[in-house]
N, C-alpha and C. Protein backbone atom coordinates (compact mmCIF):
# COMPACT_ATOMS: atom_id res chain seq x y z
N UNK A 1 116.34 176.18 58.69
CA UNK A 1 115.55 175.63 57.84
C UNK A 1 114.59 176.24 57.07
N UNK A 2 114.74 176.36 55.68
CA UNK A 2 113.78 176.98 54.80
C UNK A 2 112.47 176.63 54.60
N UNK A 3 111.49 177.27 54.41
CA UNK A 3 110.26 176.89 53.95
C UNK A 3 109.57 177.65 52.66
N UNK A 4 108.78 176.75 52.07
CA UNK A 4 108.54 177.68 50.75
C UNK A 4 109.57 178.05 49.92
N UNK A 5 110.74 177.76 49.93
CA UNK A 5 111.92 178.62 48.97
C UNK A 5 111.73 178.20 47.55
N UNK A 6 111.22 176.89 47.41
CA UNK A 6 110.84 176.90 45.65
C UNK A 6 109.38 177.05 45.45
N UNK A 7 108.70 177.61 46.20
CA UNK A 7 107.22 177.85 45.71
C UNK A 7 106.97 179.36 45.69
N UNK A 8 106.96 179.54 44.28
CA UNK A 8 106.74 181.23 44.05
C UNK A 8 105.43 181.77 44.44
N UNK A 9 104.49 180.76 44.75
CA UNK A 9 103.21 181.48 45.24
C UNK A 9 103.11 181.64 46.74
N UNK A 10 104.10 181.25 47.30
CA UNK A 10 104.23 181.29 48.95
C UNK A 10 105.40 182.09 49.39
N UNK A 11 105.39 183.14 50.42
CA UNK A 11 106.51 183.40 50.90
C UNK A 11 107.59 182.71 51.64
N UNK A 12 108.95 183.02 51.26
CA UNK A 12 109.75 182.07 51.72
C UNK A 12 109.88 182.36 53.29
N UNK A 13 109.81 181.50 54.22
CA UNK A 13 110.40 181.52 55.42
C UNK A 13 111.68 180.73 56.07
N UNK A 14 111.94 181.20 57.03
CA UNK A 14 113.23 180.87 57.63
C UNK A 14 112.68 180.30 59.31
N UNK A 15 112.81 179.15 59.57
CA UNK A 15 112.72 178.70 60.68
C UNK A 15 114.01 178.70 61.51
N UNK A 16 114.13 179.81 62.56
CA UNK A 16 115.40 179.81 63.35
C UNK A 16 115.23 179.26 64.68
N UNK A 17 116.20 178.11 64.97
CA UNK A 17 115.99 177.71 66.36
C UNK A 17 116.74 178.36 67.20
N UNK A 18 116.47 178.39 68.57
CA UNK A 18 117.05 179.04 69.67
C UNK A 18 118.36 178.33 70.28
N UNK A 19 118.06 177.06 69.92
CA UNK A 19 119.51 176.38 70.31
C UNK A 19 119.67 174.90 69.62
N UNK A 20 120.63 174.38 69.67
CA UNK A 20 120.99 173.10 69.15
C UNK A 20 119.99 172.04 69.38
N UNK A 21 119.12 171.92 70.54
CA UNK A 21 118.29 170.97 70.82
C UNK A 21 117.08 171.38 69.69
N UNK A 22 116.75 172.41 69.35
CA UNK A 22 115.76 172.60 68.60
C UNK A 22 114.16 172.15 68.80
N UNK A 23 114.26 172.78 70.20
CA UNK A 23 112.98 172.71 70.84
C UNK A 23 112.14 173.86 70.72
N UNK A 24 112.75 175.41 70.69
CA UNK A 24 111.93 176.51 70.28
C UNK A 24 112.47 177.35 69.10
N UNK A 25 111.59 178.05 68.25
CA UNK A 25 112.16 178.63 67.24
C UNK A 25 111.38 180.08 66.97
N UNK A 26 111.87 180.87 66.12
CA UNK A 26 111.34 182.14 65.46
C UNK A 26 111.01 181.75 64.08
N UNK A 27 109.92 182.37 63.87
CA UNK A 27 109.68 182.09 62.42
C UNK A 27 109.94 183.56 61.63
N UNK A 28 110.86 183.66 60.59
CA UNK A 28 111.17 185.07 60.10
C UNK A 28 110.57 184.63 58.58
N UNK A 29 110.10 185.85 58.05
CA UNK A 29 109.29 185.91 56.75
C UNK A 29 110.22 186.84 55.87
N UNK A 30 110.23 186.37 54.58
CA UNK A 30 111.03 187.30 53.68
C UNK A 30 110.43 188.41 53.10
N UNK A 31 110.81 189.49 53.34
CA UNK A 31 110.13 191.14 53.00
C UNK A 31 111.17 191.27 51.47
N UNK A 32 110.58 191.20 50.37
CA UNK A 32 111.46 191.34 49.11
C UNK A 32 111.68 192.70 48.99
N UNK A 33 110.77 193.74 49.40
CA UNK A 33 111.09 195.46 49.46
C UNK A 33 112.48 195.67 50.25
N UNK A 34 112.53 194.90 51.03
CA UNK A 34 113.72 195.24 52.21
C UNK A 34 114.95 194.21 51.96
N UNK A 35 114.53 193.49 51.24
CA UNK A 35 115.77 192.08 50.94
C UNK A 35 116.09 191.38 52.48
N UNK A 36 115.11 191.42 53.24
CA UNK A 36 115.54 191.09 54.66
C UNK A 36 114.40 189.63 55.09
N UNK A 37 115.12 188.97 55.74
CA UNK A 37 113.90 188.07 56.52
C UNK A 37 113.43 188.80 58.10
N UNK A 38 111.99 188.94 58.15
CA UNK A 38 111.83 189.47 59.46
C UNK A 38 110.89 188.72 60.53
N UNK A 39 110.79 188.94 61.65
CA UNK A 39 110.24 187.99 62.49
C UNK A 39 108.63 188.65 62.53
N UNK A 40 107.81 188.08 62.02
CA UNK A 40 106.38 188.25 62.03
C UNK A 40 105.93 188.41 63.43
N UNK A 41 106.31 187.87 64.31
CA UNK A 41 105.62 187.76 65.86
C UNK A 41 106.11 189.26 66.34
N UNK A 42 107.38 189.81 66.28
CA UNK A 42 107.79 190.80 66.80
C UNK A 42 107.12 192.19 66.01
N UNK A 43 107.01 191.83 64.43
CA UNK A 43 106.11 193.25 63.85
C UNK A 43 104.99 193.34 64.20
N UNK A 44 104.15 192.24 64.69
CA UNK A 44 103.01 192.59 65.42
C UNK A 44 103.00 193.19 66.59
N UNK A 45 104.26 193.25 67.20
CA UNK A 45 104.56 193.76 68.44
C UNK A 45 105.12 195.30 68.25
N UNK A 46 104.90 195.73 67.01
CA UNK A 46 105.82 197.09 66.43
C UNK A 46 107.25 196.86 66.61
N UNK A 47 107.59 196.00 66.88
CA UNK A 47 109.40 195.72 66.82
C UNK A 47 109.94 195.30 65.39
N UNK A 48 110.75 195.93 65.11
CA UNK A 48 111.53 195.43 63.37
C UNK A 48 112.66 194.63 64.08
N UNK A 49 112.50 193.10 64.01
CA UNK A 49 113.73 191.93 64.14
C UNK A 49 113.92 191.33 62.98
N UNK A 50 115.10 191.35 62.54
CA UNK A 50 115.29 190.38 61.12
C UNK A 50 116.72 190.28 61.21
N UNK A 51 116.96 189.61 59.97
CA UNK A 51 118.31 188.83 59.60
C UNK A 51 118.53 189.02 58.15
N UNK A 52 119.62 189.14 57.48
CA UNK A 52 119.85 189.36 56.03
C UNK A 52 120.84 188.13 55.78
N UNK A 53 120.31 187.52 54.63
CA UNK A 53 120.88 186.17 54.16
C UNK A 53 122.15 186.57 53.14
N UNK A 54 123.29 185.93 53.50
CA UNK A 54 124.22 186.12 52.76
C UNK A 54 125.04 185.05 52.26
N UNK A 55 126.19 184.91 50.94
CA UNK A 55 126.48 183.58 50.60
C UNK A 55 128.04 183.92 50.77
N UNK A 56 128.59 183.00 51.38
CA UNK A 56 130.05 182.71 51.52
C UNK A 56 130.69 182.52 49.77
N UNK A 57 131.65 182.73 49.67
CA UNK A 57 132.48 182.40 48.45
C UNK A 57 132.39 180.96 47.76
N UNK A 58 132.18 179.97 48.99
CA UNK A 58 132.03 178.62 48.43
C UNK A 58 130.50 178.65 48.26
N UNK A 59 129.64 179.23 48.58
CA UNK A 59 128.25 178.95 48.14
C UNK A 59 127.42 178.63 49.28
N UNK A 60 128.35 178.44 50.44
CA UNK A 60 127.49 178.34 51.94
C UNK A 60 126.36 179.65 52.19
N UNK A 61 125.48 179.15 52.75
CA UNK A 61 124.63 180.75 52.86
C UNK A 61 124.63 180.76 54.52
N UNK A 62 124.62 181.78 54.98
CA UNK A 62 124.51 182.11 56.43
C UNK A 62 123.69 183.42 56.80
N UNK A 63 123.16 183.53 57.98
CA UNK A 63 122.14 184.56 58.27
C UNK A 63 122.97 185.83 59.01
N UNK A 64 122.91 186.95 58.73
CA UNK A 64 123.59 187.97 59.61
C UNK A 64 122.25 188.49 60.78
N UNK A 65 122.46 188.53 61.74
CA UNK A 65 121.35 188.81 62.62
C UNK A 65 121.26 190.57 62.41
N UNK A 66 120.41 191.00 62.42
CA UNK A 66 120.23 192.58 62.56
C UNK A 66 120.18 193.17 63.99
N UNK A 67 120.27 194.29 64.30
CA UNK A 67 120.77 194.74 65.57
C UNK A 67 119.51 194.34 66.66
N UNK A 68 118.45 194.66 66.44
CA UNK A 68 117.38 194.42 67.57
C UNK A 68 117.08 193.06 68.28
N UNK A 69 116.72 192.93 69.28
CA UNK A 69 116.48 191.70 69.64
C UNK A 69 115.10 191.14 69.83
N UNK A 70 114.51 189.86 69.51
CA UNK A 70 113.22 189.56 69.79
C UNK A 70 112.58 190.23 70.84
N UNK A 71 111.14 190.53 70.66
CA UNK A 71 110.61 190.84 71.74
C UNK A 71 109.19 189.95 71.90
N UNK A 72 109.18 188.86 71.23
CA UNK A 72 108.08 187.94 71.17
C UNK A 72 108.50 186.64 71.73
N UNK A 73 107.68 185.69 72.00
CA UNK A 73 108.23 184.77 72.58
C UNK A 73 108.34 183.52 71.78
N UNK A 74 109.45 182.80 71.65
CA UNK A 74 109.83 181.91 70.72
C UNK A 74 108.57 180.46 70.80
N UNK A 75 108.42 179.99 69.77
CA UNK A 75 107.42 178.99 69.56
C UNK A 75 107.98 177.73 69.79
N UNK A 76 107.16 176.66 70.37
CA UNK A 76 107.66 175.41 70.67
C UNK A 76 107.55 174.74 69.13
N UNK A 77 108.48 174.01 68.79
CA UNK A 77 108.98 173.36 67.70
C UNK A 77 108.11 171.74 67.58
N UNK A 78 107.40 171.68 66.72
CA UNK A 78 106.90 170.34 66.40
C UNK A 78 106.81 169.93 65.16
N UNK A 79 107.80 168.99 64.77
CA UNK A 79 108.10 168.62 63.38
C UNK A 79 106.78 168.45 62.49
N UNK A 80 105.74 167.88 63.12
CA UNK A 80 104.62 167.56 62.26
C UNK A 80 103.98 168.79 61.73
N UNK A 81 104.39 169.77 62.41
CA UNK A 81 103.75 171.23 61.77
C UNK A 81 104.39 171.73 60.35
N UNK A 82 105.40 171.28 60.26
CA UNK A 82 106.36 171.55 58.89
C UNK A 82 106.02 170.61 57.92
N UNK A 83 105.52 169.30 58.21
CA UNK A 83 105.62 168.38 56.93
C UNK A 83 104.86 168.85 55.76
N UNK A 84 105.13 168.45 54.66
CA UNK A 84 104.58 169.14 53.13
C UNK A 84 103.06 168.18 53.46
N UNK A 85 102.39 168.92 53.04
CA UNK A 85 100.82 168.82 52.93
C UNK A 85 100.42 167.40 52.16
N UNK A 86 99.29 166.60 52.78
CA UNK A 86 99.10 165.38 51.61
C UNK A 86 98.44 166.06 50.47
N UNK A 87 98.64 165.34 49.38
CA UNK A 87 98.10 165.90 48.03
C UNK A 87 97.26 164.77 47.51
N UNK A 88 96.38 164.82 46.57
CA UNK A 88 95.57 164.33 46.06
C UNK A 88 95.40 164.40 44.41
N UNK A 89 95.86 163.30 43.67
CA UNK A 89 96.14 163.62 42.23
C UNK A 89 94.59 163.77 41.44
N UNK A 90 94.54 164.38 40.16
CA UNK A 90 93.37 164.78 39.61
C UNK A 90 92.46 163.39 39.35
N UNK A 91 92.98 162.12 39.38
CA UNK A 91 92.23 160.83 39.07
C UNK A 91 91.25 160.62 40.06
N UNK A 92 91.66 161.35 41.41
CA UNK A 92 91.19 161.01 42.83
C UNK A 92 89.97 161.97 43.18
N UNK A 93 89.60 162.81 42.51
CA UNK A 93 88.65 164.04 42.46
C UNK A 93 87.81 164.38 41.28
N UNK A 94 86.62 164.87 41.71
CA UNK A 94 85.77 165.12 40.56
C UNK A 94 85.27 166.81 41.08
N UNK A 95 85.26 167.70 40.23
CA UNK A 95 84.51 169.00 40.30
C UNK A 95 83.22 168.86 39.89
N UNK A 96 81.98 169.66 40.45
CA UNK A 96 81.11 169.44 39.93
C UNK A 96 80.36 170.71 40.20
N UNK A 97 79.03 171.12 39.62
CA UNK A 97 78.19 172.45 39.81
C UNK A 97 77.51 172.44 41.15
N UNK A 98 77.33 173.65 41.62
CA UNK A 98 76.43 173.87 42.71
C UNK A 98 74.92 173.63 42.54
N UNK A 99 74.08 173.47 43.52
CA UNK A 99 72.79 173.31 43.42
C UNK A 99 72.33 174.41 42.38
N UNK A 100 72.82 175.76 42.53
CA UNK A 100 72.45 176.88 41.58
C UNK A 100 73.04 176.75 40.16
N UNK A 101 73.65 175.51 39.88
CA UNK A 101 74.38 175.56 38.61
C UNK A 101 75.87 176.50 38.31
N UNK A 102 76.27 176.71 39.35
CA UNK A 102 77.47 177.57 39.28
C UNK A 102 78.73 176.39 39.29
N UNK A 103 79.57 176.47 38.03
CA UNK A 103 80.74 175.54 37.87
C UNK A 103 81.84 175.40 39.12
N UNK A 104 82.25 174.29 39.39
CA UNK A 104 83.50 174.04 40.07
C UNK A 104 83.01 174.39 41.41
N UNK A 105 81.82 174.35 42.09
CA UNK A 105 81.53 174.98 43.39
C UNK A 105 81.54 173.69 44.51
N UNK A 106 81.40 172.40 43.66
CA UNK A 106 81.05 171.17 44.63
C UNK A 106 82.24 170.47 44.11
N UNK A 107 82.64 169.52 45.08
CA UNK A 107 83.97 168.77 44.55
C UNK A 107 83.75 167.27 45.40
N UNK A 108 84.10 166.04 44.93
CA UNK A 108 84.40 164.93 45.64
C UNK A 108 85.52 164.45 45.54
N UNK A 109 85.99 163.80 46.82
CA UNK A 109 87.15 163.37 46.87
C UNK A 109 87.13 161.88 47.05
N UNK A 110 87.38 160.68 46.30
CA UNK A 110 87.42 159.22 46.64
C UNK A 110 88.17 158.86 47.55
N UNK A 111 87.75 157.94 48.04
CA UNK A 111 88.55 157.27 49.29
C UNK A 111 89.60 156.21 48.82
N UNK A 112 89.24 155.95 47.55
CA UNK A 112 90.29 154.73 46.95
C UNK A 112 89.98 154.55 45.61
N UNK A 113 90.78 153.82 44.74
CA UNK A 113 90.60 153.50 43.17
C UNK A 113 89.48 153.07 42.91
N UNK A 114 88.63 152.15 43.80
CA UNK A 114 87.51 151.74 43.42
C UNK A 114 86.51 152.92 43.15
N UNK A 115 86.42 153.90 44.10
CA UNK A 115 85.80 155.35 43.62
C UNK A 115 84.36 155.07 43.96
N UNK A 116 84.06 154.14 45.28
CA UNK A 116 82.72 153.98 45.52
C UNK A 116 82.36 154.51 46.77
N UNK A 117 83.26 155.07 47.45
CA UNK A 117 83.17 156.07 48.68
C UNK A 117 83.84 157.42 48.42
N UNK A 118 83.02 158.56 48.90
CA UNK A 118 83.59 159.98 48.68
C UNK A 118 83.49 160.87 50.19
N UNK A 119 83.88 161.82 50.07
CA UNK A 119 83.76 162.91 50.98
C UNK A 119 83.22 164.11 49.89
N UNK A 120 82.44 164.48 50.61
CA UNK A 120 81.99 166.02 49.63
C UNK A 120 81.98 167.16 50.07
N UNK A 121 82.62 167.87 49.45
CA UNK A 121 83.17 169.40 49.62
C UNK A 121 82.51 170.36 48.80
N UNK A 122 82.54 171.78 49.49
CA UNK A 122 81.94 172.72 48.74
C UNK A 122 83.06 173.92 49.02
N UNK A 123 82.94 174.80 47.85
CA UNK A 123 83.83 175.90 47.80
C UNK A 123 83.28 176.87 48.76
N UNK A 124 84.46 177.38 49.29
CA UNK A 124 83.94 178.59 50.26
C UNK A 124 85.30 179.64 50.15
N UNK A 125 85.37 180.65 49.43
CA UNK A 125 86.64 181.36 49.32
C UNK A 125 87.44 180.72 48.39
N UNK A 126 88.54 180.31 48.85
CA UNK A 126 89.61 179.80 47.87
C UNK A 126 89.77 178.37 48.13
N UNK A 127 89.03 178.08 49.40
CA UNK A 127 89.39 176.59 49.86
C UNK A 127 87.94 175.58 49.83
N UNK A 128 88.20 174.30 49.46
CA UNK A 128 87.01 173.61 49.44
C UNK A 128 86.91 172.75 50.92
N UNK A 129 85.45 172.83 51.40
CA UNK A 129 85.43 172.64 53.14
C UNK A 129 84.44 171.31 52.79
N UNK A 130 85.01 170.06 53.71
CA UNK A 130 84.15 169.07 53.83
C UNK A 130 82.62 169.22 54.28
N UNK A 131 81.69 169.23 53.81
CA UNK A 131 80.62 169.34 54.25
C UNK A 131 79.99 168.75 55.27
N UNK A 132 80.32 167.63 55.72
CA UNK A 132 79.78 166.77 56.72
C UNK A 132 80.62 167.10 58.07
N UNK A 133 81.79 167.31 58.01
CA UNK A 133 82.81 167.87 59.09
C UNK A 133 82.38 169.03 59.36
N UNK A 134 81.88 170.03 58.44
CA UNK A 134 81.79 171.38 58.96
C UNK A 134 80.57 171.27 59.84
N UNK A 135 79.51 170.33 59.45
CA UNK A 135 78.56 170.16 60.23
C UNK A 135 78.34 170.15 61.44
N UNK A 136 79.98 169.31 61.73
CA UNK A 136 80.25 168.62 63.17
C UNK A 136 81.40 169.87 64.02
N UNK A 137 81.47 171.05 63.34
CA UNK A 137 82.22 171.95 63.76
C UNK A 137 83.67 171.81 63.63
N UNK A 138 84.08 170.82 62.62
CA UNK A 138 85.60 170.48 62.17
C UNK A 138 85.73 170.89 61.05
N UNK A 139 86.72 171.45 60.85
CA UNK A 139 87.03 172.25 59.19
C UNK A 139 88.21 171.31 58.68
N UNK A 140 87.56 170.60 57.67
CA UNK A 140 88.54 169.48 56.69
C UNK A 140 88.52 170.66 55.33
N UNK A 141 89.85 170.85 55.03
CA UNK A 141 89.91 171.59 53.65
C UNK A 141 90.75 170.99 52.54
N UNK A 142 90.57 171.42 51.30
CA UNK A 142 91.35 170.99 50.17
C UNK A 142 91.45 172.41 49.44
N UNK A 143 92.59 172.48 49.05
CA UNK A 143 92.75 173.67 48.15
C UNK A 143 93.52 173.12 46.87
N UNK A 144 92.69 173.51 45.82
CA UNK A 144 92.88 173.21 44.38
C UNK A 144 94.14 173.98 43.58
N UNK A 145 95.23 172.98 43.59
CA UNK A 145 96.44 173.63 42.89
C UNK A 145 96.50 173.00 41.51
N UNK A 146 97.70 173.96 40.69
CA UNK A 146 97.83 173.41 39.51
C UNK A 146 96.77 173.98 38.40
N UNK A 147 97.42 173.61 37.23
CA UNK A 147 96.54 174.03 36.05
C UNK A 147 95.94 173.00 35.15
N UNK A 148 94.73 172.97 34.68
CA UNK A 148 94.55 171.93 33.56
C UNK A 148 94.67 170.51 33.91
N UNK A 149 95.35 169.52 33.24
CA UNK A 149 95.37 168.10 33.47
C UNK A 149 96.40 168.33 34.77
N UNK A 150 97.18 168.98 35.04
CA UNK A 150 98.10 169.18 36.22
C UNK A 150 97.59 169.50 37.68
N UNK A 151 96.13 169.77 37.42
CA UNK A 151 95.41 169.76 38.71
C UNK A 151 95.71 168.70 40.02
N UNK A 152 95.70 169.58 41.08
CA UNK A 152 95.94 168.44 42.45
C UNK A 152 95.36 168.92 43.55
N UNK A 153 95.18 168.17 44.49
CA UNK A 153 94.44 169.01 45.56
C UNK A 153 95.61 169.10 46.90
N UNK A 154 95.84 169.87 47.82
CA UNK A 154 96.57 169.78 49.04
C UNK A 154 95.49 170.00 49.96
N UNK A 155 95.62 168.89 50.99
CA UNK A 155 94.53 168.81 51.94
C UNK A 155 95.16 169.31 53.26
N UNK A 156 94.27 169.69 54.22
CA UNK A 156 94.73 170.31 55.30
C UNK A 156 94.98 169.00 56.26
N UNK A 157 95.95 169.52 57.31
CA UNK A 157 96.18 168.31 58.37
C UNK A 157 95.19 167.84 59.26
N UNK A 158 93.98 168.67 59.07
CA UNK A 158 92.91 168.16 60.16
C UNK A 158 92.17 166.82 59.76
N UNK A 159 91.88 165.97 60.47
CA UNK A 159 91.22 164.44 60.05
C UNK A 159 89.98 164.68 59.96
N UNK A 160 89.34 163.82 58.84
CA UNK A 160 87.98 163.98 59.04
C UNK A 160 87.32 163.23 60.31
N UNK A 161 86.25 163.73 60.61
CA UNK A 161 85.06 163.31 61.81
C UNK A 161 84.01 162.62 61.23
N UNK A 162 83.79 162.63 60.02
CA UNK A 162 82.69 162.17 59.36
C UNK A 162 82.92 161.09 58.59
N UNK A 163 82.03 160.11 58.64
CA UNK A 163 82.28 159.08 57.63
C UNK A 163 82.23 159.14 56.01
N UNK A 164 82.88 158.32 55.06
CA UNK A 164 82.66 158.85 53.80
C UNK A 164 81.28 158.22 53.55
N UNK A 165 80.54 158.82 52.23
CA UNK A 165 79.38 158.22 51.72
C UNK A 165 79.54 157.54 50.54
N UNK A 166 78.56 156.74 50.21
CA UNK A 166 78.37 155.98 48.98
C UNK A 166 78.25 156.95 47.91
N UNK A 167 79.24 156.98 46.69
CA UNK A 167 79.21 157.69 45.65
C UNK A 167 78.13 157.22 44.76
N UNK A 168 77.19 158.27 44.23
CA UNK A 168 76.18 158.12 43.14
C UNK A 168 76.54 159.43 42.31
N UNK A 169 77.09 158.98 40.80
CA UNK A 169 77.53 160.30 39.99
C UNK A 169 75.81 160.79 39.74
N UNK A 170 75.02 160.21 39.93
CA UNK A 170 73.60 160.78 39.32
C UNK A 170 73.12 161.87 40.40
N UNK A 171 73.87 162.22 41.47
CA UNK A 171 73.49 163.12 42.51
C UNK A 171 74.62 164.50 41.91
N UNK A 172 75.38 164.43 41.36
CA UNK A 172 75.96 165.60 40.62
C UNK A 172 76.13 165.89 39.45
N UNK A 173 76.20 167.06 39.13
CA UNK A 173 76.17 167.84 37.56
C UNK A 173 77.31 168.25 37.46
N UNK A 174 78.19 168.09 36.17
CA UNK A 174 79.39 168.53 35.64
C UNK A 174 79.33 169.73 35.31
């Protein structure tokens, strides 16, 4: 199973199942310099385990396993971990200044089209974190993607533990 194959911002990965039952898997990441997919967990254990992707004349792709065997333990497969992240369109969030006047440091995400309730986020590194959830030691994040009018958010799989609050635009500066 391929992951991130059509996303140039993320490395391509292959999920390699250990059996037909798809209960356990190894994750191989593409290493462009070598033209190979390598097991990241084995690399951490200083062992190079990988495979090369080939194409048959009919266009069908297959993996040719390289000589080394895995030294890592396969991971338990849970399909939920490989679902596409939830996204939020530009119309459902607003970016604002921080308290110090720095642009795009605060963000609100509306809970509905009525735009009366929000979750408030603050920028930390390259992720926005829900302020109220962070206070409760839960890290609900959103990543700003796209450019200009094509902007959208990718949400983390973590669910909010806080309650949305009433939106008052007077509390925020553009």
